[in-house]
Amino acid sequence: MANVPFVSLLTAIAPARDIYVTILIGFLVRGGCPLPAFPKVEPLRSLFSPENPVIPLSAESQIADHFAASALLSAALTVM
């Protein structure tokens, strides 16, 4: 994870205004891959649901929390 602040991303992609941050994991194709989404869940929900749950996050910092948990669990989830 690059740890680039959301505000910096908005500046980098100007004049575009709508960006969504998530973390994709390898088993996304099989379904059941939880996708944290910040700041909104659309259009990620329309692209990946219902096979993959899209989890709305209220703070940018929660992306890092989810990434850390995913890194710890990724080996176990890959085996499943």
PDB file of N, CA and C in Angstrom:
ATOM      1  N   MET A   1       0.850  -1.168   0.000  1.00  0.00           N
ATOM      2  CA  MET A   1       0.000   0.000   0.000  1.00  0.00           C
ATOM      3  C   MET A   1       0.893   1.226   0.000  1.00  0.00           C
ATOM      4  N   ALA A   2       0.599   2.164  -0.853  1.00  0.00           N
ATOM      5  CA  ALA A   2       1.452   3.328  -1.029  1.00  0.00           C
ATOM      6  C   ALA A   2       1.292   4.375   0.065  1.00  0.00           C
ATOM      7  N   ASN A   3       0.193   4.319   0.816  1.00  0.00           N
ATOM      8  CA  ASN A   3      -0.069   5.271   1.884  1.00  0.00           C
ATOM      9  C   ASN A   3      -0.108   6.711   1.378  1.00  0.00           C
ATOM     10  N   VAL A   4      -0.740   6.894   0.223  1.00  0.00           N
ATOM     11  CA  VAL A   4      -0.929   8.230  -0.333  1.00  0.00           C
ATOM     12  C   VAL A   4      -2.252   8.764   0.201  1.00  0.00           C
ATOM     13  N   PRO A   5      -2.244   9.937   0.836  1.00  0.00           N
ATOM     14  CA  PRO A   5      -3.488  10.499   1.375  1.00  0.00           C
ATOM     15  C   PRO A   5      -4.538  10.710   0.274  1.00  0.00           C
ATOM     16  N   PHE A   6      -5.781  10.506   0.625  1.00  0.00           N
ATOM     17  CA  PHE A   6      -6.887  10.657  -0.318  1.00  0.00           C
ATOM     18  C   PHE A   6      -6.880  12.033  -0.974  1.00  0.00           C
ATOM     19  N   VAL A   7      -6.607  13.058  -0.203  1.00  0.00           N
ATOM     20  CA  VAL A   7      -6.571  14.423  -0.746  1.00  0.00           C
ATOM     21  C   VAL A   7      -5.490  14.550  -1.818  1.00  0.00           C
ATOM     22  N   SER A   8      -4.362  13.903  -1.616  1.00  0.00           N
ATOM     23  CA  SER A   8      -3.290  13.928  -2.621  1.00  0.00           C
ATOM     24  C   SER A   8      -3.721  13.219  -3.902  1.00  0.00           C
ATOM     25  N   LEU A   9      -4.471  12.131  -3.749  1.00  0.00           N
ATOM     26  CA  LEU A   9      -4.985  11.439  -4.931  1.00  0.00           C
ATOM     27  C   LEU A   9      -5.929  12.328  -5.721  1.00  0.00           C
ATOM     28  N   LEU A  10      -6.805  13.044  -5.026  1.00  0.00           N
ATOM     29  CA  LEU A  10      -7.726  13.953  -5.704  1.00  0.00           C
ATOM     30  C   LEU A  10      -6.972  15.017  -6.486  1.00  0.00           C
ATOM     31  N   THR A  11      -5.908  15.533  -5.911  1.00  0.00           N
ATOM     32  CA  THR A  11      -5.086  16.538  -6.595  1.00  0.00           C
ATOM     33  C   THR A  11      -4.408  15.931  -7.816  1.00  0.00           C
ATOM     34  N   ALA A  12      -3.924  14.711  -7.687  1.00  0.00           N
ATOM     35  CA  ALA A  12      -3.186  14.061  -8.773  1.00  0.00           C
ATOM     36  C   ALA A  12      -4.066  13.733  -9.969  1.00  0.00           C
ATOM     37  N   ILE A  13      -5.346  13.478  -9.748  1.00  0.00           N
ATOM     38  CA  ILE A  13      -6.200  13.077 -10.865  1.00  0.00           C
ATOM     39  C   ILE A  13      -7.083  14.204 -11.383  1.00  0.00           C
ATOM     40  N   ALA A  14      -6.912  15.408 -10.860  1.00  0.00           N
ATOM     41  CA  ALA A  14      -7.722  16.544 -11.305  1.00  0.00           C
ATOM     42  C   ALA A  14      -7.630  16.661 -12.825  1.00  0.00           C
ATOM     43  N   PRO A  15      -8.704  16.959 -13.500  1.00  0.00           N
ATOM     44  CA  PRO A  15      -9.994  17.466 -13.026  1.00  0.00           C
ATOM     45  C   PRO A  15     -11.010  16.393 -12.636  1.00  0.00           C
ATOM     46  N   ALA A  16     -10.658  15.115 -12.713  1.00  0.00           N
ATOM     47  CA  ALA A  16     -11.595  14.080 -12.260  1.00  0.00           C
ATOM     48  C   ALA A  16     -11.887  14.291 -10.779  1.00  0.00           C
ATOM     49  N   ARG A  17     -13.105  13.925 -10.364  1.00  0.00           N
ATOM     50  CA  ARG A  17     -13.488  14.167  -8.976  1.00  0.00           C
ATOM     51  C   ARG A  17     -13.887  12.912  -8.224  1.00  0.00           C
ATOM     52  N   ASP A  18     -14.312  11.898  -8.931  1.00  0.00           N
ATOM     53  CA  ASP A  18     -14.824  10.708  -8.261  1.00  0.00           C
ATOM     54  C   ASP A  18     -13.791   9.589  -8.285  1.00  0.00           C
ATOM     55  N   ILE A  19     -13.205   9.303  -7.137  1.00  0.00           N
ATOM     56  CA  ILE A  19     -12.314   8.155  -7.004  1.00  0.00           C
ATOM     57  C   ILE A  19     -12.760   7.348  -5.797  1.00  0.00           C
ATOM     58  N   TYR A  20     -12.430   6.077  -5.843  1.00  0.00           N
ATOM     59  CA  TYR A  20     -12.822   5.173  -4.775  1.00  0.00           C
ATOM     60  C   TYR A  20     -11.619   4.315  -4.443  1.00  0.00           C
ATOM     61  N   VAL A  21     -11.348   4.165  -3.196  1.00  0.00           N
ATOM     62  CA  VAL A  21     -10.183   3.410  -2.746  1.00  0.00           C
ATOM     63  C   VAL A  21     -10.662   2.066  -2.201  1.00  0.00           C
ATOM     64  N   THR A  22     -10.008   0.986  -2.646  1.00  0.00           N
ATOM     65  CA  THR A  22     -10.293  -0.350  -2.132  1.00  0.00           C
ATOM     66  C   THR A  22      -9.032  -1.190  -2.221  1.00  0.00           C
ATOM     67  N   ILE A  23      -9.103  -2.396  -1.712  1.00  0.00           N
ATOM     68  CA  ILE A  23      -7.994  -3.342  -1.798  1.00  0.00           C
ATOM     69  C   ILE A  23      -8.552  -4.626  -2.401  1.00  0.00           C
ATOM     70  N   LEU A  24      -8.033  -5.008  -3.558  1.00  0.00           N
ATOM     71  CA  LEU A  24      -8.476  -6.241  -4.210  1.00  0.00           C
ATOM     72  C   LEU A  24      -7.550  -7.382  -3.810  1.00  0.00           C
ATOM     73  N   ILE A  25      -8.132  -8.514  -3.519  1.00  0.00           N
ATOM     74  CA  ILE A  25      -7.369  -9.698  -3.132  1.00  0.00           C
ATOM     75  C   ILE A  25      -7.586 -10.759  -4.212  1.00  0.00           C
ATOM     76  N   GLY A  26      -6.620 -11.647  -4.379  1.00  0.00           N
ATOM     77  CA  GLY A  26      -6.620 -12.616  -5.461  1.00  0.00           C
ATOM     78  C   GLY A  26      -7.872 -13.451  -5.631  1.00  0.00           C
ATOM     79  N   PHE A  27      -8.574 -13.769  -4.552  1.00  0.00           N
ATOM     80  CA  PHE A  27      -9.740 -14.627  -4.697  1.00  0.00           C
ATOM     81  C   PHE A  27     -11.009 -13.849  -5.047  1.00  0.00           C
ATOM     82  N   LEU A  28     -10.876 -12.599  -5.468  1.00  0.00           N
ATOM     83  CA  LEU A  28     -12.006 -11.772  -5.886  1.00  0.00           C
ATOM     84  C   LEU A  28     -12.834 -12.478  -6.957  1.00  0.00           C
ATOM     85  N   VAL A  29     -12.175 -13.168  -7.880  1.00  0.00           N
ATOM     86  CA  VAL A  29     -12.855 -13.832  -8.985  1.00  0.00           C
ATOM     87  C   VAL A  29     -13.797 -14.924  -8.492  1.00  0.00           C
ATOM     88  N   ARG A  30     -13.420 -15.623  -7.427  1.00  0.00           N
ATOM     89  CA  ARG A  30     -14.245 -16.714  -6.891  1.00  0.00           C
ATOM     90  C   ARG A  30     -15.421 -16.211  -6.071  1.00  0.00           C
ATOM     91  N   GLY A  31     -15.384 -14.955  -5.664  1.00  0.00           N
ATOM     92  CA  GLY A  31     -16.436 -14.409  -4.815  1.00  0.00           C
ATOM     93  C   GLY A  31     -16.080 -14.554  -3.344  1.00  0.00           C
ATOM     94  N   GLY A  32     -16.811 -13.825  -2.520  1.00  0.00           N
ATOM     95  CA  GLY A  32     -16.569 -13.874  -1.088  1.00  0.00           C
ATOM     96  C   GLY A  32     -15.392 -13.032  -0.632  1.00  0.00           C
ATOM     97  N   CYS A  33     -14.909 -12.153  -1.498  1.00  0.00           N
ATOM     98  CA  CYS A  33     -13.771 -11.288  -1.157  1.00  0.00           C
ATOM     99  C   CYS A  33     -14.295  -9.974  -0.591  1.00  0.00           C
ATOM    100  N   PRO A  34     -14.076  -9.703   0.690  1.00  0.00           N
ATOM    101  CA  PRO A  34     -14.544  -8.437   1.260  1.00  0.00           C
ATOM    102  C   PRO A  34     -13.742  -7.267   0.700  1.00  0.00           C
ATOM    103  N   LEU A  35     -14.449  -6.251   0.238  1.00  0.00           N
ATOM    104  CA  LEU A  35     -13.808  -5.071  -0.346  1.00  0.00           C
ATOM    105  C   LEU A  35     -14.132  -3.832   0.477  1.00  0.00           C
ATOM    106  N   PRO A  36     -13.176  -3.323   1.230  1.00  0.00           N
ATOM    107  CA  PRO A  36     -13.418  -2.061   1.928  1.00  0.00           C
ATOM    108  C   PRO A  36     -13.470  -0.949   0.885  1.00  0.00           C
ATOM    109  N   ALA A  37     -14.349   0.010   1.069  1.00  0.00           N
ATOM    110  CA  ALA A  37     -14.492   1.092   0.093  1.00  0.00           C
ATOM    111  C   ALA A  37     -14.542   2.440   0.799  1.00  0.00           C
ATOM    112  N   PHE A  38     -13.755   3.373   0.289  1.00  0.00           N
ATOM    113  CA  PHE A  38     -13.743   4.739   0.822  1.00  0.00           C
ATOM    114  C   PHE A  38     -13.659   5.701  -0.344  1.00  0.00           C
ATOM    115  N   PRO A  39     -14.369   6.775  -0.379  1.00  0.00           N
ATOM    116  CA  PRO A  39     -15.347   7.283   0.580  1.00  0.00           C
ATOM    117  C   PRO A  39     -16.763   6.777   0.330  1.00  0.00           C
ATOM    118  N   LYS A  40     -17.034   6.169  -0.840  1.00  0.00           N
ATOM    119  CA  LYS A  40     -18.375   5.652  -1.142  1.00  0.00           C
ATOM    120  C   LYS A  40     -18.262   4.222  -1.651  1.00  0.00           C
ATOM    121  N   VAL A  41     -19.373   3.504  -1.614  1.00  0.00           N
ATOM    122  CA  VAL A  41     -19.367   2.127  -2.091  1.00  0.00           C
ATOM    123  C   VAL A  41     -19.754   1.998  -3.569  1.00  0.00           C
ATOM    124  N   GLU A  42     -20.386   3.000  -4.125  1.00  0.00           N
ATOM    125  CA  GLU A  42     -20.719   2.970  -5.553  1.00  0.00           C
ATOM    126  C   GLU A  42     -19.597   3.650  -6.315  1.00  0.00           C
ATOM    127  N   PRO A  43     -19.157   3.204  -7.452  1.00  0.00           N
ATOM    128  CA  PRO A  43     -19.662   2.104  -8.273  1.00  0.00           C
ATOM    129  C   PRO A  43     -19.060   0.742  -7.950  1.00  0.00           C
ATOM    130  N   LEU A  44     -18.229   0.632  -6.916  1.00  0.00           N
ATOM    131  CA  LEU A  44     -17.633  -0.661  -6.591  1.00  0.00           C
ATOM    132  C   LEU A  44     -18.690  -1.724  -6.316  1.00  0.00           C
ATOM    133  N   ARG A  45     -19.759  -1.329  -5.636  1.00  0.00           N
ATOM    134  CA  ARG A  45     -20.828  -2.293  -5.342  1.00  0.00           C
ATOM    135  C   ARG A  45     -21.461  -2.799  -6.643  1.00  0.00           C
ATOM    136  N   SER A  46     -21.698  -1.900  -7.591  1.00  0.00           N
ATOM    137  CA  SER A  46     -22.321  -2.334  -8.844  1.00  0.00           C
ATOM    138  C   SER A  46     -21.380  -3.213  -9.672  1.00  0.00           C
ATOM    139  N   LEU A  47     -20.074  -3.068  -9.501  1.00  0.00           N
ATOM    140  CA  LEU A  47     -19.111  -3.887 -10.237  1.00  0.00           C
ATOM    141  C   LEU A  47     -18.880  -5.258  -9.603  1.00  0.00           C
ATOM    142  N   PHE A  48     -18.827  -5.324  -8.283  1.00  0.00           N
ATOM    143  CA  PHE A  48     -18.368  -6.540  -7.611  1.00  0.00           C
ATOM    144  C   PHE A  48     -19.410  -7.273  -6.778  1.00  0.00           C
ATOM    145  N   SER A  49     -20.527  -6.642  -6.451  1.00  0.00           N
ATOM    146  CA  SER A  49     -21.569  -7.301  -5.645  1.00  0.00           C
ATOM    147  C   SER A  49     -22.529  -8.025  -6.573  1.00  0.00           C
ATOM    148  N   PRO A  50     -23.241  -9.007  -6.162  1.00  0.00           N
ATOM    149  CA  PRO A  50     -23.340  -9.536  -4.805  1.00  0.00           C
ATOM    150  C   PRO A  50     -22.288 -10.596  -4.473  1.00  0.00           C
ATOM    151  N   GLU A  51     -21.456 -10.969  -5.460  1.00  0.00           N
ATOM    152  CA  GLU A  51     -20.469 -12.029  -5.222  1.00  0.00           C
ATOM    153  C   GLU A  51     -19.448 -11.649  -4.151  1.00  0.00           C
ATOM    154  N   ASN A  52     -19.113 -10.374  -4.066  1.00  0.00           N
ATOM    155  CA  ASN A  52     -18.122  -9.885  -3.108  1.00  0.00           C
ATOM    156  C   ASN A  52     -18.745  -8.758  -2.295  1.00  0.00           C
ATOM    157  N   PRO A  53     -18.748  -8.871  -0.972  1.00  0.00           N
ATOM    158  CA  PRO A  53     -19.336  -7.810  -0.151  1.00  0.00           C
ATOM    159  C   PRO A  53     -18.473  -6.547  -0.170  1.00  0.00           C
ATOM    160  N   VAL A  54     -19.104  -5.418  -0.418  1.00  0.00           N
ATOM    161  CA  VAL A  54     -18.417  -4.128  -0.382  1.00  0.00           C
ATOM    162  C   VAL A  54     -18.719  -3.491   0.964  1.00  0.00           C
ATOM    163  N   ILE A  55     -17.672  -3.166   1.698  1.00  0.00           N
ATOM    164  CA  ILE A  55     -17.797  -2.669   3.067  1.00  0.00           C
ATOM    165  C   ILE A  55     -17.545  -1.166   3.084  1.00  0.00           C
ATOM    166  N   PRO A  56     -18.563  -0.363   3.400  1.00  0.00           N
ATOM    167  CA  PRO A  56     -18.345   1.078   3.464  1.00  0.00           C
ATOM    168  C   PRO A  56     -17.474   1.453   4.661  1.00  0.00           C
ATOM    169  N   LEU A  57     -16.492   2.300   4.424  1.00  0.00           N
ATOM    170  CA  LEU A  57     -15.621   2.788   5.495  1.00  0.00           C
ATOM    171  C   LEU A  57     -15.919   4.256   5.740  1.00  0.00           C
ATOM    172  N   SER A  58     -15.853   4.668   6.986  1.00  0.00           N
ATOM    173  CA  SER A  58     -16.148   6.055   7.328  1.00  0.00           C
ATOM    174  C   SER A  58     -14.900   6.919   7.417  1.00  0.00           C
ATOM    175  N   ALA A  59     -13.719   6.286   7.441  1.00  0.00           N
ATOM    176  CA  ALA A  59     -12.469   7.047   7.563  1.00  0.00           C
ATOM    177  C   ALA A  59     -11.398   6.427   6.670  1.00  0.00           C
ATOM    178  N   GLU A  60     -10.590   7.265   6.083  1.00  0.00           N
ATOM    179  CA  GLU A  60      -9.504   6.821   5.209  1.00  0.00           C
ATOM    180  C   GLU A  60      -8.544   5.871   5.929  1.00  0.00           C
ATOM    181  N   SER A  61      -8.311   6.103   7.200  1.00  0.00           N
ATOM    182  CA  SER A  61      -7.377   5.279   7.971  1.00  0.00           C
ATOM    183  C   SER A  61      -7.830   3.821   8.087  1.00  0.00           C
ATOM    184  N   GLN A  62      -9.116   3.561   7.906  1.00  0.00           N
ATOM    185  CA  GLN A  62      -9.629   2.200   8.009  1.00  0.00           C
ATOM    186  C   GLN A  62      -9.127   1.318   6.859  1.00  0.00           C
ATOM    187  N   ILE A  63      -8.734   1.912   5.737  1.00  0.00           N
ATOM    188  CA  ILE A  63      -8.162   1.132   4.628  1.00  0.00           C
ATOM    189  C   ILE A  63      -6.900   0.422   5.120  1.00  0.00           C
ATOM    190  N   ALA A  64      -6.036   1.134   5.816  1.00  0.00           N
ATOM    191  CA  ALA A  64      -4.800   0.533   6.328  1.00  0.00           C
ATOM    192  C   ALA A  64      -5.109  -0.579   7.328  1.00  0.00           C
ATOM    193  N   ASP A  65      -6.114  -0.384   8.159  1.00  0.00           N
ATOM    194  CA  ASP A  65      -6.507  -1.418   9.123  1.00  0.00           C
ATOM    195  C   ASP A  65      -6.953  -2.687   8.400  1.00  0.00           C
ATOM    196  N   HIS A  66      -7.766  -2.512   7.373  1.00  0.00           N
ATOM    197  CA  HIS A  66      -8.243  -3.664   6.610  1.00  0.00           C
ATOM    198  C   HIS A  66      -7.084  -4.352   5.890  1.00  0.00           C
ATOM    199  N   PHE A  67      -6.179  -3.558   5.339  1.00  0.00           N
ATOM    200  CA  PHE A  67      -5.017  -4.104   4.633  1.00  0.00           C
ATOM    201  C   PHE A  67      -4.162  -4.944   5.585  1.00  0.00           C
ATOM    202  N   ALA A  68      -3.950  -4.468   6.790  1.00  0.00           N
ATOM    203  CA  ALA A  68      -3.155  -5.212   7.767  1.00  0.00           C
ATOM    204  C   ALA A  68      -3.826  -6.536   8.128  1.00  0.00           C
ATOM    205  N   ALA A  69      -5.124  -6.505   8.358  1.00  0.00           N
ATOM    206  CA  ALA A  69      -5.851  -7.738   8.678  1.00  0.00           C
ATOM    207  C   ALA A  69      -5.828  -8.697   7.494  1.00  0.00           C
ATOM    208  N   SER A  70      -5.977  -8.174   6.289  1.00  0.00           N
ATOM    209  CA  SER A  70      -5.956  -9.008   5.086  1.00  0.00           C
ATOM    210  C   SER A  70      -4.602  -9.669   4.893  1.00  0.00           C
ATOM    211  N   ALA A  71      -3.536  -8.952   5.183  1.00  0.00           N
ATOM    212  CA  ALA A  71      -2.192  -9.511   5.031  1.00  0.00           C
ATOM    213  C   ALA A  71      -1.990 -10.684   5.985  1.00  0.00           C
ATOM    214  N   LEU A  72      -2.535 -10.559   7.182  1.00  0.00           N
ATOM    215  CA  LEU A  72      -2.395 -11.635   8.159  1.00  0.00           C
ATOM    216  C   LEU A  72      -3.224 -12.864   7.786  1.00  0.00           C
ATOM    217  N   LEU A  73      -4.374 -12.618   7.175  1.00  0.00           N
ATOM    218  CA  LEU A  73      -5.292 -13.716   6.880  1.00  0.00           C
ATOM    219  C   LEU A  73      -5.186 -14.254   5.455  1.00  0.00           C
ATOM    220  N   SER A  74      -4.443 -13.576   4.590  1.00  0.00           N
ATOM    221  CA  SER A  74      -4.451 -13.941   3.170  1.00  0.00           C
ATOM    222  C   SER A  74      -4.002 -15.378   2.916  1.00  0.00           C
ATOM    223  N   ALA A  75      -3.019 -15.848   3.626  1.00  0.00           N
ATOM    224  CA  ALA A  75      -2.550 -17.222   3.429  1.00  0.00           C
ATOM    225  C   ALA A  75      -3.658 -18.220   3.782  1.00  0.00           C
ATOM    226  N   ALA A  76      -4.332 -17.996   4.873  1.00  0.00           N
ATOM    227  CA  ALA A  76      -5.416 -18.896   5.273  1.00  0.00           C
ATOM    228  C   ALA A  76      -6.586 -18.831   4.296  1.00  0.00           C
ATOM    229  N   LEU A  77      -6.909 -17.638   3.821  1.00  0.00           N
ATOM    230  CA  LEU A  77      -8.033 -17.492   2.895  1.00  0.00           C
ATOM    231  C   LEU A  77      -7.734 -18.097   1.535  1.00  0.00           C
ATOM    232  N   THR A  78      -6.476 -18.085   1.117  1.00  0.00           N
ATOM    233  CA  THR A  78      -6.077 -18.657  -0.157  1.00  0.00           C
ATOM    234  C   THR A  78      -6.273 -20.174  -0.155  1.00  0.00           C
ATOM    235  N   VAL A  79      -6.047 -20.784   0.972  1.00  0.00           N
ATOM    236  CA  VAL A  79      -6.183 -22.237   1.102  1.00  0.00           C
ATOM    237  C   VAL A  79      -7.646 -22.651   1.067  1.00  0.00           C
ATOM    238  N   MET A  80      -8.532 -21.794   1.516  1.00  0.00           N
ATOM    239  CA  MET A  80      -9.962 -22.135   1.608  1.00  0.00           C
ATOM    240  C   MET A  80     -10.608 -22.254   0.253  1.00  0.00           C
TER     241      MET A  80
END
